[in-house]
Amino acid sequence: VQLQASGGGLVQAGGSLRLACAASGRTRSIYKVAWFRQAPGKERDFVAAINWGGGDTEYADSEKDRFTIYRDTAKNTVFLQIDSLKPDDTAVYYCAADPRAVWSGLKKELSYDYWGQGTLVTVSS
């Protein structure tokens, strides 16, 4: 499975962005897809995850009201909609996927075998 993240850019605080994670290769093996982000000088943190087939979702506790994860299985793409962007949202956003049919441990990087290259989101104040 290969993952390609896109949609990042420079946006003003209060604006919105939609990130995309396009999967290719053995996409039928995917069970879950997640977004993580890494701010400058900080560790990579979980943002949201979605069950590829059933659509169940999970969000980080801190920002669940501003983030929406959803998928378009016909396009093999998972999206992350971010609203009311804040300067603290500035980070490289990574998508990750995994074939294991386990809906737990979603916030751990080790729960995902496949990673995309990341897309940079910069929010100006």
PDB file of N, CA and C in Angstrom:
ATOM      1  N   VAL A   1       0.843  -1.186   0.000  1.00  0.00           N
ATOM      2  CA  VAL A   1       0.000   0.000   0.000  1.00  0.00           C
ATOM      3  C   VAL A   1       0.882   1.240   0.000  1.00  0.00           C
ATOM      4  N   GLN A   2       0.554   2.165  -0.874  1.00  0.00           N
ATOM      5  CA  GLN A   2       1.244   3.458  -0.898  1.00  0.00           C
ATOM      6  C   GLN A   2       0.229   4.550  -0.571  1.00  0.00           C
ATOM      7  N   LEU A   3       0.684   5.537   0.185  1.00  0.00           N
ATOM      8  CA  LEU A   3      -0.176   6.627   0.603  1.00  0.00           C
ATOM      9  C   LEU A   3       0.418   7.947   0.148  1.00  0.00           C
ATOM     10  N   GLN A   4      -0.434   8.800  -0.404  1.00  0.00           N
ATOM     11  CA  GLN A   4      -0.004  10.119  -0.860  1.00  0.00           C
ATOM     12  C   GLN A   4      -0.874  11.166  -0.195  1.00  0.00           C
ATOM     13  N   ALA A   5      -0.262  11.956   0.671  1.00  0.00           N
ATOM     14  CA  ALA A   5      -0.989  13.037   1.356  1.00  0.00           C
ATOM     15  C   ALA A   5      -0.862  14.324   0.568  1.00  0.00           C
ATOM     16  N   SER A   6      -1.939  15.091   0.550  1.00  0.00           N
ATOM     17  CA  SER A   6      -1.932  16.369  -0.154  1.00  0.00           C
ATOM     18  C   SER A   6      -2.932  17.316   0.485  1.00  0.00           C
ATOM     19  N   GLY A   7      -2.916  18.562   0.023  1.00  0.00           N
ATOM     20  CA  GLY A   7      -3.892  19.529   0.490  1.00  0.00           C
ATOM     21  C   GLY A   7      -3.372  20.549   1.481  1.00  0.00           C
ATOM     22  N   GLY A   8      -2.144  20.394   1.927  1.00  0.00           N
ATOM     23  CA  GLY A   8      -1.583  21.359   2.855  1.00  0.00           C
ATOM     24  C   GLY A   8      -1.291  22.682   2.178  1.00  0.00           C
ATOM     25  N   GLY A   9      -0.975  23.668   2.997  1.00  0.00           N
ATOM     26  CA  GLY A   9      -0.646  24.975   2.457  1.00  0.00           C
ATOM     27  C   GLY A   9      -0.652  26.022   3.542  1.00  0.00           C
ATOM     28  N   LEU A  10      -0.590  27.252   3.122  1.00  0.00           N
ATOM     29  CA  LEU A  10      -0.610  28.389   4.035  1.00  0.00           C
ATOM     30  C   LEU A  10      -2.026  28.937   4.105  1.00  0.00           C
ATOM     31  N   VAL A  11      -2.530  29.067   5.306  1.00  0.00           N
ATOM     32  CA  VAL A  11      -3.896  29.550   5.491  1.00  0.00           C
ATOM     33  C   VAL A  11      -3.938  30.467   6.706  1.00  0.00           C
ATOM     34  N   GLN A  12      -4.857  31.419   6.683  1.00  0.00           N
ATOM     35  CA  GLN A  12      -4.999  32.313   7.815  1.00  0.00           C
ATOM     36  C   GLN A  12      -5.798  31.659   8.928  1.00  0.00           C
ATOM     37  N   ALA A  13      -5.539  32.078  10.121  1.00  0.00           N
ATOM     38  CA  ALA A  13      -6.299  31.580  11.266  1.00  0.00           C
ATOM     39  C   ALA A  13      -7.790  31.821  11.030  1.00  0.00           C
ATOM     40  N   GLY A  14      -8.574  30.822  11.412  1.00  0.00           N
ATOM     41  CA  GLY A  14     -10.019  30.907  11.197  1.00  0.00           C
ATOM     42  C   GLY A  14     -10.473  30.241   9.916  1.00  0.00           C
ATOM     43  N   GLY A  15      -9.542  29.978   9.031  1.00  0.00           N
ATOM     44  CA  GLY A  15      -9.885  29.360   7.760  1.00  0.00           C
ATOM     45  C   GLY A  15     -10.035  27.845   7.874  1.00  0.00           C
ATOM     46  N   SER A  16     -10.217  27.212   6.720  1.00  0.00           N
ATOM     47  CA  SER A  16     -10.412  25.773   6.665  1.00  0.00           C
ATOM     48  C   SER A  16      -9.501  25.155   5.615  1.00  0.00           C
ATOM     49  N   LEU A  17      -9.225  23.891   5.808  1.00  0.00           N
ATOM     50  CA  LEU A  17      -8.457  23.125   4.830  1.00  0.00           C
ATOM     51  C   LEU A  17      -9.028  21.726   4.761  1.00  0.00           C
ATOM     52  N   ARG A  18      -8.894  21.110   3.602  1.00  0.00           N
ATOM     53  CA  ARG A  18      -9.230  19.704   3.481  1.00  0.00           C
ATOM     54  C   ARG A  18      -7.996  18.969   2.972  1.00  0.00           C
ATOM     55  N   LEU A  19      -7.503  18.083   3.803  1.00  0.00           N
ATOM     56  CA  LEU A  19      -6.366  17.255   3.422  1.00  0.00           C
ATOM     57  C   LEU A  19      -6.874  15.951   2.819  1.00  0.00           C
ATOM     58  N   ALA A  20      -6.107  15.420   1.895  1.00  0.00           N
ATOM     59  CA  ALA A  20      -6.473  14.164   1.259  1.00  0.00           C
ATOM     60  C   ALA A  20      -5.348  13.155   1.394  1.00  0.00           C
ATOM     61  N   CYS A  21      -5.725  11.915   1.562  1.00  0.00           N
ATOM     62  CA  CYS A  21      -4.770  10.809   1.619  1.00  0.00           C
ATOM     63  C   CYS A  21      -5.226   9.778   0.598  1.00  0.00           C
ATOM     64  N   ALA A  22      -4.519   9.724  -0.513  1.00  0.00           N
ATOM     65  CA  ALA A  22      -4.868   8.798  -1.583  1.00  0.00           C
ATOM     66  C   ALA A  22      -4.076   7.515  -1.435  1.00  0.00           C
ATOM     67  N   ALA A  23      -4.784   6.406  -1.416  1.00  0.00           N
ATOM     68  CA  ALA A  23      -4.141   5.107  -1.269  1.00  0.00           C
ATOM     69  C   ALA A  23      -4.062   4.408  -2.615  1.00  0.00           C
ATOM     70  N   SER A  24      -3.004   3.682  -2.816  1.00  0.00           N
ATOM     71  CA  SER A  24      -2.837   2.885  -4.032  1.00  0.00           C
ATOM     72  C   SER A  24      -2.171   1.568  -3.661  1.00  0.00           C
ATOM     73  N   GLY A  25      -2.164   0.659  -4.596  1.00  0.00           N
ATOM     74  CA  GLY A  25      -1.604  -0.664  -4.329  1.00  0.00           C
ATOM     75  C   GLY A  25      -2.684  -1.599  -3.808  1.00  0.00           C
ATOM     76  N   ARG A  26      -2.382  -2.347  -2.775  1.00  0.00           N
ATOM     77  CA  ARG A  26      -3.311  -3.335  -2.220  1.00  0.00           C
ATOM     78  C   ARG A  26      -4.312  -2.660  -1.289  1.00  0.00           C
ATOM     79  N   THR A  27      -5.131  -1.791  -1.843  1.00  0.00           N
ATOM     80  CA  THR A  27      -6.054  -1.017  -1.018  1.00  0.00           C
ATOM     81  C   THR A  27      -7.136  -1.876  -0.383  1.00  0.00           C
ATOM     82  N   ARG A  28      -7.433  -3.014  -0.967  1.00  0.00           N
ATOM     83  CA  ARG A  28      -8.452  -3.886  -0.382  1.00  0.00           C
ATOM     84  C   ARG A  28      -8.014  -4.452   0.959  1.00  0.00           C
ATOM     85  N   SER A  29      -6.723  -4.392   1.224  1.00  0.00           N
ATOM     86  CA  SER A  29      -6.216  -4.920   2.489  1.00  0.00           C
ATOM     87  C   SER A  29      -6.340  -3.911   3.629  1.00  0.00           C
ATOM     88  N   ILE A  30      -6.667  -2.679   3.315  1.00  0.00           N
ATOM     89  CA  ILE A  30      -6.701  -1.630   4.337  1.00  0.00           C
ATOM     90  C   ILE A  30      -7.882  -1.835   5.276  1.00  0.00           C
ATOM     91  N   TYR A  31      -7.621  -1.772   6.557  1.00  0.00           N
ATOM     92  CA  TYR A  31      -8.678  -1.843   7.558  1.00  0.00           C
ATOM     93  C   TYR A  31      -8.934  -0.478   8.192  1.00  0.00           C
ATOM     94  N   LYS A  32      -7.884   0.256   8.454  1.00  0.00           N
ATOM     95  CA  LYS A  32      -8.040   1.555   9.092  1.00  0.00           C
ATOM     96  C   LYS A  32      -7.028   2.552   8.529  1.00  0.00           C
ATOM     97  N   VAL A  33      -7.429   3.807   8.552  1.00  0.00           N
ATOM     98  CA  VAL A  33      -6.576   4.902   8.112  1.00  0.00           C
ATOM     99  C   VAL A  33      -6.632   5.993   9.166  1.00  0.00           C
ATOM    100  N   ALA A  34      -5.504   6.616   9.412  1.00  0.00           N
ATOM    101  CA  ALA A  34      -5.428   7.659  10.434  1.00  0.00           C
ATOM    102  C   ALA A  34      -4.637   8.851   9.932  1.00  0.00           C
ATOM    103  N   TRP A  35      -4.881   9.965  10.607  1.00  0.00           N
ATOM    104  CA  TRP A  35      -4.071  11.148  10.419  1.00  0.00           C
ATOM    105  C   TRP A  35      -3.316  11.439  11.716  1.00  0.00           C
ATOM    106  N   PHE A  36      -2.057  11.749  11.571  1.00  0.00           N
ATOM    107  CA  PHE A  36      -1.221  12.217  12.657  1.00  0.00           C
ATOM    108  C   PHE A  36      -0.643  13.576  12.243  1.00  0.00           C
ATOM    109  N   ARG A  37      -0.161  14.321  13.211  1.00  0.00           N
ATOM    110  CA  ARG A  37       0.514  15.567  12.870  1.00  0.00           C
ATOM    111  C   ARG A  37       1.714  15.772  13.779  1.00  0.00           C
ATOM    112  N   GLN A  38       2.705  16.476  13.227  1.00  0.00           N
ATOM    113  CA  GLN A  38       3.922  16.763  13.972  1.00  0.00           C
ATOM    114  C   GLN A  38       4.244  18.240  13.835  1.00  0.00           C
ATOM    115  N   ALA A  39       4.087  18.946  14.936  1.00  0.00           N
ATOM    116  CA  ALA A  39       4.405  20.370  14.964  1.00  0.00           C
ATOM    117  C   ALA A  39       5.915  20.541  15.119  1.00  0.00           C
ATOM    118  N   PRO A  40       6.448  21.693  14.740  1.00  0.00           N
ATOM    119  CA  PRO A  40       7.892  21.917  14.843  1.00  0.00           C
ATOM    120  C   PRO A  40       8.407  21.682  16.259  1.00  0.00           C
ATOM    121  N   GLY A  41       9.406  20.842  16.397  1.00  0.00           N
ATOM    122  CA  GLY A  41      10.020  20.593  17.685  1.00  0.00           C
ATOM    123  C   GLY A  41       9.217  19.702  18.610  1.00  0.00           C
ATOM    124  N   LYS A  42       8.141  19.108  18.109  1.00  0.00           N
ATOM    125  CA  LYS A  42       7.301  18.281  18.964  1.00  0.00           C
ATOM    126  C   LYS A  42       7.177  16.870  18.402  1.00  0.00           C
ATOM    127  N   GLU A  43       6.641  15.985  19.199  1.00  0.00           N
ATOM    128  CA  GLU A  43       6.421  14.618  18.765  1.00  0.00           C
ATOM    129  C   GLU A  43       5.192  14.539  17.849  1.00  0.00           C
ATOM    130  N   ARG A  44       5.148  13.460  17.126  1.00  0.00           N
ATOM    131  CA  ARG A  44       4.006  13.246  16.246  1.00  0.00           C
ATOM    132  C   ARG A  44       2.807  12.784  17.075  1.00  0.00           C
ATOM    133  N   ASP A  45       1.660  13.406  16.857  1.00  0.00           N
ATOM    134  CA  ASP A  45       0.463  13.130  17.646  1.00  0.00           C
ATOM    135  C   ASP A  45      -0.680  12.634  16.767  1.00  0.00           C
ATOM    136  N   PHE A  46      -1.495  11.816  17.339  1.00  0.00           N
ATOM    137  CA  PHE A  46      -2.692  11.306  16.677  1.00  0.00           C
ATOM    138  C   PHE A  46      -3.726  12.423  16.515  1.00  0.00           C
ATOM    139  N   VAL A  47      -4.405  12.407  15.371  1.00  0.00           N
ATOM    140  CA  VAL A  47      -5.467  13.380  15.126  1.00  0.00           C
ATOM    141  C   VAL A  47      -6.811  12.673  14.995  1.00  0.00           C
ATOM    142  N   ALA A  48      -6.900  11.708  14.081  1.00  0.00           N
ATOM    143  CA  ALA A  48      -8.176  11.032  13.827  1.00  0.00           C
ATOM    144  C   ALA A  48      -7.925   9.745  13.070  1.00  0.00           C
ATOM    145  N   ALA A  49      -8.886   8.822  13.184  1.00  0.00           N
ATOM    146  CA  ALA A  49      -8.802   7.562  12.460  1.00  0.00           C
ATOM    147  C   ALA A  49     -10.182   7.170  11.952  1.00  0.00           C
ATOM    148  N   ILE A  50     -10.192   6.375  10.896  1.00  0.00           N
ATOM    149  CA  ILE A  50     -11.445   5.905  10.332  1.00  0.00           C
ATOM    150  C   ILE A  50     -11.301   4.455   9.910  1.00  0.00           C
ATOM    151  N   ASN A  51     -12.361   3.710  10.143  1.00  0.00           N
ATOM    152  CA  ASN A  51     -12.429   2.339   9.667  1.00  0.00           C
ATOM    153  C   ASN A  51     -12.743   2.369   8.181  1.00  0.00           C
ATOM    154  N   TRP A  52     -11.889   1.741   7.397  1.00  0.00           N
ATOM    155  CA  TRP A  52     -11.993   1.869   5.935  1.00  0.00           C
ATOM    156  C   TRP A  52     -13.318   1.319   5.406  1.00  0.00           C
ATOM    157  N   GLY A  53     -13.757   0.224   5.949  1.00  0.00           N
ATOM    158  CA  GLY A  53     -14.974  -0.401   5.438  1.00  0.00           C
ATOM    159  C   GLY A  53     -16.240   0.126   6.101  1.00  0.00           C
ATOM    160  N   GLY A  54     -16.258   0.186   7.426  1.00  0.00           N
ATOM    161  CA  GLY A  54     -17.467   0.537   8.135  1.00  0.00           C
ATOM    162  C   GLY A  54     -17.660   2.011   8.402  1.00  0.00           C
ATOM    163  N   GLY A  55     -16.585   2.780   8.340  1.00  0.00           N
ATOM    164  CA  GLY A  55     -16.710   4.210   8.548  1.00  0.00           C
ATOM    165  C   GLY A  55     -16.685   4.671   9.985  1.00  0.00           C
ATOM    166  N   ASP A  56     -16.474   3.774  10.937  1.00  0.00           N
ATOM    167  CA  ASP A  56     -16.331   4.221  12.327  1.00  0.00           C
ATOM    168  C   ASP A  56     -15.154   5.182  12.421  1.00  0.00           C
ATOM    169  N   THR A  57     -15.286   6.136  13.341  1.00  0.00           N
ATOM    170  CA  THR A  57     -14.236   7.139  13.489  1.00  0.00           C
ATOM    171  C   THR A  57     -13.815   7.293  14.942  1.00  0.00           C
ATOM    172  N   GLU A  58     -12.621   7.816  15.106  1.00  0.00           N
ATOM    173  CA  GLU A  58     -12.101   8.139  16.431  1.00  0.00           C
ATOM    174  C   GLU A  58     -11.272   9.398  16.291  1.00  0.00           C
ATOM    175  N   TYR A  59     -11.366  10.273  17.287  1.00  0.00           N
ATOM    176  CA  TYR A  59     -10.649  11.535  17.246  1.00  0.00           C
ATOM    177  C   TYR A  59      -9.830  11.733  18.505  1.00  0.00           C
ATOM    178  N   ALA A  60      -8.785  12.527  18.369  1.00  0.00           N
ATOM    179  CA  ALA A  60      -8.055  12.963  19.555  1.00  0.00           C
ATOM    180  C   ALA A  60      -9.015  13.798  20.391  1.00  0.00           C
ATOM    181  N   ASP A  61      -8.917  13.659  21.684  1.00  0.00           N
ATOM    182  CA  ASP A  61      -9.862  14.328  22.570  1.00  0.00           C
ATOM    183  C   ASP A  61      -9.832  15.844  22.430  1.00  0.00           C
ATOM    184  N   SER A  62      -8.662  16.378  22.159  1.00  0.00           N
ATOM    185  CA  SER A  62      -8.491  17.827  22.246  1.00  0.00           C
ATOM    186  C   SER A  62      -9.164  18.598  21.130  1.00  0.00           C
ATOM    187  N   GLU A  63      -9.297  18.031  19.930  1.00  0.00           N
ATOM    188  CA  GLU A  63      -9.746  18.834  18.788  1.00  0.00           C
ATOM    189  C   GLU A  63     -10.875  18.188  18.014  1.00  0.00           C
ATOM    190  N   LYS A  64     -11.658  17.342  18.646  1.00  0.00           N
ATOM    191  CA  LYS A  64     -12.648  16.591  17.885  1.00  0.00           C
ATOM    192  C   LYS A  64     -13.719  17.474  17.260  1.00  0.00           C
ATOM    193  N   ASP A  65     -13.922  18.666  17.801  1.00  0.00           N
ATOM    194  CA  ASP A  65     -14.975  19.529  17.262  1.00  0.00           C
ATOM    195  C   ASP A  65     -14.574  20.225  15.972  1.00  0.00           C
ATOM    196  N   ARG A  66     -13.304  20.317  15.684  1.00  0.00           N
ATOM    197  CA  ARG A  66     -12.865  21.043  14.498  1.00  0.00           C
ATOM    198  C   ARG A  66     -12.368  20.137  13.386  1.00  0.00           C
ATOM    199  N   PHE A  67     -12.198  18.863  13.678  1.00  0.00           N
ATOM    200  CA  PHE A  67     -11.669  17.931  12.701  1.00  0.00           C
ATOM    201  C   PHE A  67     -12.746  16.937  12.291  1.00  0.00           C
ATOM    202  N   THR A  68     -12.804  16.649  11.009  1.00  0.00           N
ATOM    203  CA  THR A  68     -13.714  15.633  10.499  1.00  0.00           C
ATOM    204  C   THR A  68     -12.963  14.730   9.544  1.00  0.00           C
ATOM    205  N   ILE A  69     -12.968  13.452   9.840  1.00  0.00           N
ATOM    206  CA  ILE A  69     -12.339  12.477   8.955  1.00  0.00           C
ATOM    207  C   ILE A  69     -13.444  11.702   8.241  1.00  0.00           C
ATOM    208  N   TYR A  70     -13.262  11.503   6.944  1.00  0.00           N
ATOM    209  CA  TYR A  70     -14.226  10.725   6.180  1.00  0.00           C
ATOM    210  C   TYR A  70     -13.521  10.117   4.986  1.00  0.00           C
ATOM    211  N   ARG A  71     -14.178   9.155   4.357  1.00  0.00           N
ATOM    212  CA  ARG A  71     -13.501   8.481   3.246  1.00  0.00           C
ATOM    213  C   ARG A  71     -14.404   8.375   2.043  1.00  0.00           C
ATOM    214  N   ASP A  72     -13.769   8.262   0.908  1.00  0.00           N
ATOM    215  CA  ASP A  72     -14.429   7.984  -0.357  1.00  0.00           C
ATOM    216  C   ASP A  72     -13.791   6.699  -0.863  1.00  0.00           C
ATOM    217  N   THR A  73     -14.420   5.580  -0.579  1.00  0.00           N
ATOM    218  CA  THR A  73     -13.808   4.302  -0.926  1.00  0.00           C
ATOM    219  C   THR A  73     -13.702   4.107  -2.434  1.00  0.00           C
ATOM    220  N   ALA A  74     -14.600   4.715  -3.179  1.00  0.00           N
ATOM    221  CA  ALA A  74     -14.530   4.584  -4.635  1.00  0.00           C
ATOM    222  C   ALA A  74     -13.257   5.227  -5.184  1.00  0.00           C
ATOM    223  N   LYS A  75     -12.792   6.261  -4.488  1.00  0.00           N
ATOM    224  CA  LYS A  75     -11.572   6.959  -4.907  1.00  0.00           C
ATOM    225  C   LYS A  75     -10.370   6.544  -4.082  1.00  0.00           C
ATOM    226  N   ASN A  76     -10.561   5.587  -3.178  1.00  0.00           N
ATOM    227  CA  ASN A  76      -9.464   5.131  -2.303  1.00  0.00           C
ATOM    228  C   ASN A  76      -8.796   6.304  -1.592  1.00  0.00           C
ATOM    229  N   THR A  77      -9.601   7.211  -1.100  1.00  0.00           N
ATOM    230  CA  THR A  77      -9.079   8.422  -0.488  1.00  0.00           C
ATOM    231  C   THR A  77      -9.759   8.686   0.848  1.00  0.00           C
ATOM    232  N   VAL A  78      -8.960   9.100   1.811  1.00  0.00           N
ATOM    233  CA  VAL A  78      -9.457   9.530   3.111  1.00  0.00           C
ATOM    234  C   VAL A  78      -9.171  11.020   3.242  1.00  0.00           C
ATOM    235  N   PHE A  79     -10.147  11.754   3.724  1.00  0.00           N
ATOM    236  CA  PHE A  79     -10.023  13.197   3.855  1.00  0.00           C
ATOM    237  C   PHE A  79     -10.002  13.603   5.328  1.00  0.00           C
ATOM    238  N   LEU A  80      -9.344  14.703   5.588  1.00  0.00           N
ATOM    239  CA  LEU A  80      -9.385  15.324   6.910  1.00  0.00           C
ATOM    240  C   LEU A  80      -9.768  16.787   6.712  1.00  0.00           C
ATOM    241  N   GLN A  81     -10.955  17.109   7.144  1.00  0.00           N
ATOM    242  CA  GLN A  81     -11.431  18.490   7.087  1.00  0.00           C
ATOM    243  C   GLN A  81     -11.065  19.170   8.405  1.00  0.00           C
ATOM    244  N   ILE A  82     -10.390  20.308   8.305  1.00  0.00           N
ATOM    245  CA  ILE A  82     -10.016  21.058   9.502  1.00  0.00           C
ATOM    246  C   ILE A  82     -10.645  22.431   9.406  1.00  0.00           C
ATOM    247  N   ASP A  83     -11.461  22.775  10.374  1.00  0.00           N
ATOM    248  CA  ASP A  83     -12.140  24.068  10.402  1.00  0.00           C
ATOM    249  C   ASP A  83     -11.582  24.935  11.529  1.00  0.00           C
ATOM    250  N   SER A  84     -11.860  26.213  11.430  1.00  0.00           N
ATOM    251  CA  SER A  84     -11.439  27.174  12.458  1.00  0.00           C
ATOM    252  C   SER A  84      -9.969  26.987  12.802  1.00  0.00           C
ATOM    253  N   LEU A  85      -9.153  26.994  11.790  1.00  0.00           N
ATOM    254  CA  LEU A  85      -7.725  26.730  11.979  1.00  0.00           C
ATOM    255  C   LEU A  85      -7.087  27.738  12.923  1.00  0.00           C
ATOM    256  N   LYS A  86      -6.164  27.235  13.722  1.00  0.00           N
ATOM    257  CA  LYS A  86      -5.416  28.029  14.681  1.00  0.00           C
ATOM    258  C   LYS A  86      -3.922  27.938  14.349  1.00  0.00           C
ATOM    259  N   PRO A  87      -3.152  28.928  14.752  1.00  0.00           N
ATOM    260  CA  PRO A  87      -1.695  28.824  14.542  1.00  0.00           C
ATOM    261  C   PRO A  87      -1.108  27.542  15.144  1.00  0.00           C
ATOM    262  N   ASP A  88      -1.686  27.059  16.232  1.00  0.00           N
ATOM    263  CA  ASP A  88      -1.198  25.813  16.850  1.00  0.00           C
ATOM    264  C   ASP A  88      -1.436  24.587  15.973  1.00  0.00           C
ATOM    265  N   ASP A  89      -2.235  24.734  14.940  1.00  0.00           N
ATOM    266  CA  ASP A  89      -2.449  23.616  14.013  1.00  0.00           C
ATOM    267  C   ASP A  89      -1.310  23.485  13.006  1.00  0.00           C
ATOM    268  N   THR A  90      -0.401  24.440  13.009  1.00  0.00           N
ATOM    269  CA  THR A  90       0.744  24.369  12.108  1.00  0.00           C
ATOM    270  C   THR A  90       1.541  23.103  12.387  1.00  0.00           C
ATOM    271  N   ALA A  91       1.693  22.286  11.355  1.00  0.00           N
ATOM    272  CA  ALA A  91       2.355  20.992  11.518  1.00  0.00           C
ATOM    273  C   ALA A  91       2.462  20.309  10.164  1.00  0.00           C
ATOM    274  N   VAL A  92       3.255  19.270  10.140  1.00  0.00           N
ATOM    275  CA  VAL A  92       3.227  18.345   9.005  1.00  0.00           C
ATOM    276  C   VAL A  92       2.195  17.275   9.344  1.00  0.00           C
ATOM    277  N   TYR A  93       1.256  17.079   8.445  1.00  0.00           N
ATOM    278  CA  TYR A  93       0.186  16.115   8.660  1.00  0.00           C
ATOM    279  C   TYR A  93       0.490  14.853   7.854  1.00  0.00           C
ATOM    280  N   TYR A  94       0.476  13.733   8.542  1.00  0.00           N
ATOM    281  CA  TYR A  94       0.769  12.447   7.931  1.00  0.00           C
ATOM    282  C   TYR A  94      -0.469  11.559   7.946  1.00  0.00           C
ATOM    283  N   CYS A  95      -0.659  10.817   6.875  1.00  0.00           N
ATOM    284  CA  CYS A  95      -1.677   9.781   6.922  1.00  0.00           C
ATOM    285  C   CYS A  95      -0.995   8.420   7.032  1.00  0.00           C
ATOM    286  N   ALA A  96      -1.698   7.518   7.657  1.00  0.00           N
ATOM    287  CA  ALA A  96      -1.173   6.179   7.902  1.00  0.00           C
ATOM    288  C   ALA A  96      -2.289   5.163   7.709  1.00  0.00           C
ATOM    289  N   ALA A  97      -1.930   3.969   7.347  1.00  0.00           N
ATOM    290  CA  ALA A  97      -2.929   2.923   7.124  1.00  0.00           C
ATOM    291  C   ALA A  97      -2.416   1.593   7.652  1.00  0.00           C
ATOM    292  N   ASP A  98      -3.356   0.699   7.906  1.00  0.00           N
ATOM    293  CA  ASP A  98      -2.970  -0.603   8.449  1.00  0.00           C
ATOM    294  C   ASP A  98      -3.981  -1.668   8.051  1.00  0.00           C
ATOM    295  N   PRO A  99      -3.530  -2.885   7.789  1.00  0.00           N
ATOM    296  CA  PRO A  99      -4.445  -3.950   7.374  1.00  0.00           C
ATOM    297  C   PRO A  99      -5.022  -4.777   8.527  1.00  0.00           C
ATOM    298  N   ARG A 100      -4.486  -4.625   9.718  1.00  0.00           N
ATOM    299  CA  ARG A 100      -4.931  -5.465  10.823  1.00  0.00           C
ATOM    300  C   ARG A 100      -6.322  -5.053  11.288  1.00  0.00           C
ATOM    301  N   ALA A 101      -7.189  -6.032  11.410  1.00  0.00           N
ATOM    302  CA  ALA A 101      -8.581  -5.796  11.791  1.00  0.00           C
ATOM    303  C   ALA A 101      -8.697  -5.629  13.303  1.00  0.00           C
ATOM    304  N   VAL A 102      -8.057  -4.596  13.779  1.00  0.00           N
ATOM    305  CA  VAL A 102      -8.057  -4.283  15.210  1.00  0.00           C
ATOM    306  C   VAL A 102      -8.452  -2.823  15.368  1.00  0.00           C
ATOM    307  N   TRP A 103      -9.583  -2.599  16.038  1.00  0.00           N
ATOM    308  CA  TRP A 103     -10.045  -1.215  16.254  1.00  0.00           C
ATOM    309  C   TRP A 103      -9.724  -0.818  17.691  1.00  0.00           C
ATOM    310  N   SER A 104      -8.456  -0.784  17.976  1.00  0.00           N
ATOM    311  CA  SER A 104      -7.965  -0.339  19.265  1.00  0.00           C
ATOM    312  C   SER A 104      -6.531   0.118  19.070  1.00  0.00           C
ATOM    313  N   GLY A 105      -6.018   0.828  20.057  1.00  0.00           N
ATOM    314  CA  GLY A 105      -4.652   1.322  19.923  1.00  0.00           C
ATOM    315  C   GLY A 105      -4.490   2.292  18.784  1.00  0.00           C
ATOM    316  N   LEU A 106      -5.576   2.967  18.434  1.00  0.00           N
ATOM    317  CA  LEU A 106      -5.576   3.806  17.241  1.00  0.00           C
ATOM    318  C   LEU A 106      -4.631   4.992  17.354  1.00  0.00           C
ATOM    319  N   LYS A 107      -4.344   5.423  18.572  1.00  0.00           N
ATOM    320  CA  LYS A 107      -3.533   6.616  18.764  1.00  0.00           C
ATOM    321  C   LYS A 107      -2.036   6.313  18.750  1.00  0.00           C
ATOM    322  N   LYS A 108      -1.685   5.064  18.568  1.00  0.00           N
ATOM    323  CA  LYS A 108      -0.284   4.677  18.601  1.00  0.00           C
ATOM    324  C   LYS A 108       0.271   4.527  17.194  1.00  0.00           C
ATOM    325  N   GLU A 109       1.430   5.090  16.955  1.00  0.00           N
ATOM    326  CA  GLU A 109       2.049   4.989  15.645  1.00  0.00           C
ATOM    327  C   GLU A 109       2.305   3.541  15.241  1.00  0.00           C
ATOM    328  N   LEU A 110       2.607   2.706  16.208  1.00  0.00           N
ATOM    329  CA  LEU A 110       2.912   1.306  15.912  1.00  0.00           C
ATOM    330  C   LEU A 110       1.698   0.533  15.407  1.00  0.00           C
ATOM    331  N   SER A 111       0.518   1.139  15.501  1.00  0.00           N
ATOM    332  CA  SER A 111      -0.685   0.469  15.006  1.00  0.00           C
ATOM    333  C   SER A 111      -0.833   0.584  13.494  1.00  0.00           C
ATOM    334  N   TYR A 112       0.112   1.249  12.837  1.00  0.00           N
ATOM    335  CA  TYR A 112      -0.012   1.496  11.405  1.00  0.00           C
ATOM    336  C   TYR A 112       1.261   1.064  10.686  1.00  0.00           C
ATOM    337  N   ASP A 113       1.086   0.254   9.672  1.00  0.00           N
ATOM    338  CA  ASP A 113       2.234  -0.256   8.922  1.00  0.00           C
ATOM    339  C   ASP A 113       2.648   0.662   7.777  1.00  0.00           C
ATOM    340  N   TYR A 114       1.715   1.403   7.226  1.00  0.00           N
ATOM    341  CA  TYR A 114       1.992   2.194   6.028  1.00  0.00           C
ATOM    342  C   TYR A 114       1.845   3.682   6.346  1.00  0.00           C
ATOM    343  N   TRP A 115       2.778   4.449   5.825  1.00  0.00           N
ATOM    344  CA  TRP A 115       2.787   5.891   6.092  1.00  0.00           C
ATOM    345  C   TRP A 115       3.000   6.661   4.798  1.00  0.00           C
ATOM    346  N   GLY A 116       2.320   7.796   4.702  1.00  0.00           N
ATOM    347  CA  GLY A 116       2.556   8.715   3.601  1.00  0.00           C
ATOM    348  C   GLY A 116       3.670   9.677   3.947  1.00  0.00           C
ATOM    349  N   GLN A 117       3.974  10.552   3.031  1.00  0.00           N
ATOM    350  CA  GLN A 117       5.141  11.427   3.186  1.00  0.00           C
ATOM    351  C   GLN A 117       4.843  12.685   3.976  1.00  0.00           C
ATOM    352  N   GLY A 118       3.608  13.008   4.209  1.00  0.00           N
ATOM    353  CA  GLY A 118       3.261  14.203   4.962  1.00  0.00           C
ATOM    354  C   GLY A 118       2.973  15.399   4.085  1.00  0.00           C
ATOM    355  N   THR A 119       2.106  16.262   4.573  1.00  0.00           N
ATOM    356  CA  THR A 119       1.796  17.507   3.894  1.00  0.00           C
ATOM    357  C   THR A 119       1.821  18.623   4.929  1.00  0.00           C
ATOM    358  N   LEU A 120       2.450  19.734   4.600  1.00  0.00           N
ATOM    359  CA  LEU A 120       2.670  20.811   5.562  1.00  0.00           C
ATOM    360  C   LEU A 120       1.484  21.767   5.582  1.00  0.00           C
ATOM    361  N   VAL A 121       0.993  22.007   6.780  1.00  0.00           N
ATOM    362  CA  VAL A 121      -0.053  23.005   7.002  1.00  0.00           C
ATOM    363  C   VAL A 121       0.548  24.127   7.853  1.00  0.00           C
ATOM    364  N   THR A 122       0.461  25.318   7.351  1.00  0.00           N
ATOM    365  CA  THR A 122       0.954  26.486   8.074  1.00  0.00           C
ATOM    366  C   THR A 122      -0.196  27.456   8.262  1.00  0.00           C
ATOM    367  N   VAL A 123      -0.450  27.811   9.512  1.00  0.00           N
ATOM    368  CA  VAL A 123      -1.552  28.708   9.834  1.00  0.00           C
ATOM    369  C   VAL A 123      -0.975  30.012  10.357  1.00  0.00           C
ATOM    370  N   SER A 124      -1.283  31.092   9.679  1.00  0.00           N
ATOM    371  CA  SER A 124      -0.774  32.402  10.094  1.00  0.00           C
ATOM    372  C   SER A 124      -1.816  33.104  10.963  1.00  0.00           C
ATOM    373  N   SER A 125      -1.298  33.887  11.884  1.00  0.00           N
ATOM    374  CA  SER A 125      -2.201  34.593  12.812  1.00  0.00           C
ATOM    375  C   SER A 125      -2.629  35.935  12.259  1.00  0.00           C
TER     376      SER A 125
END
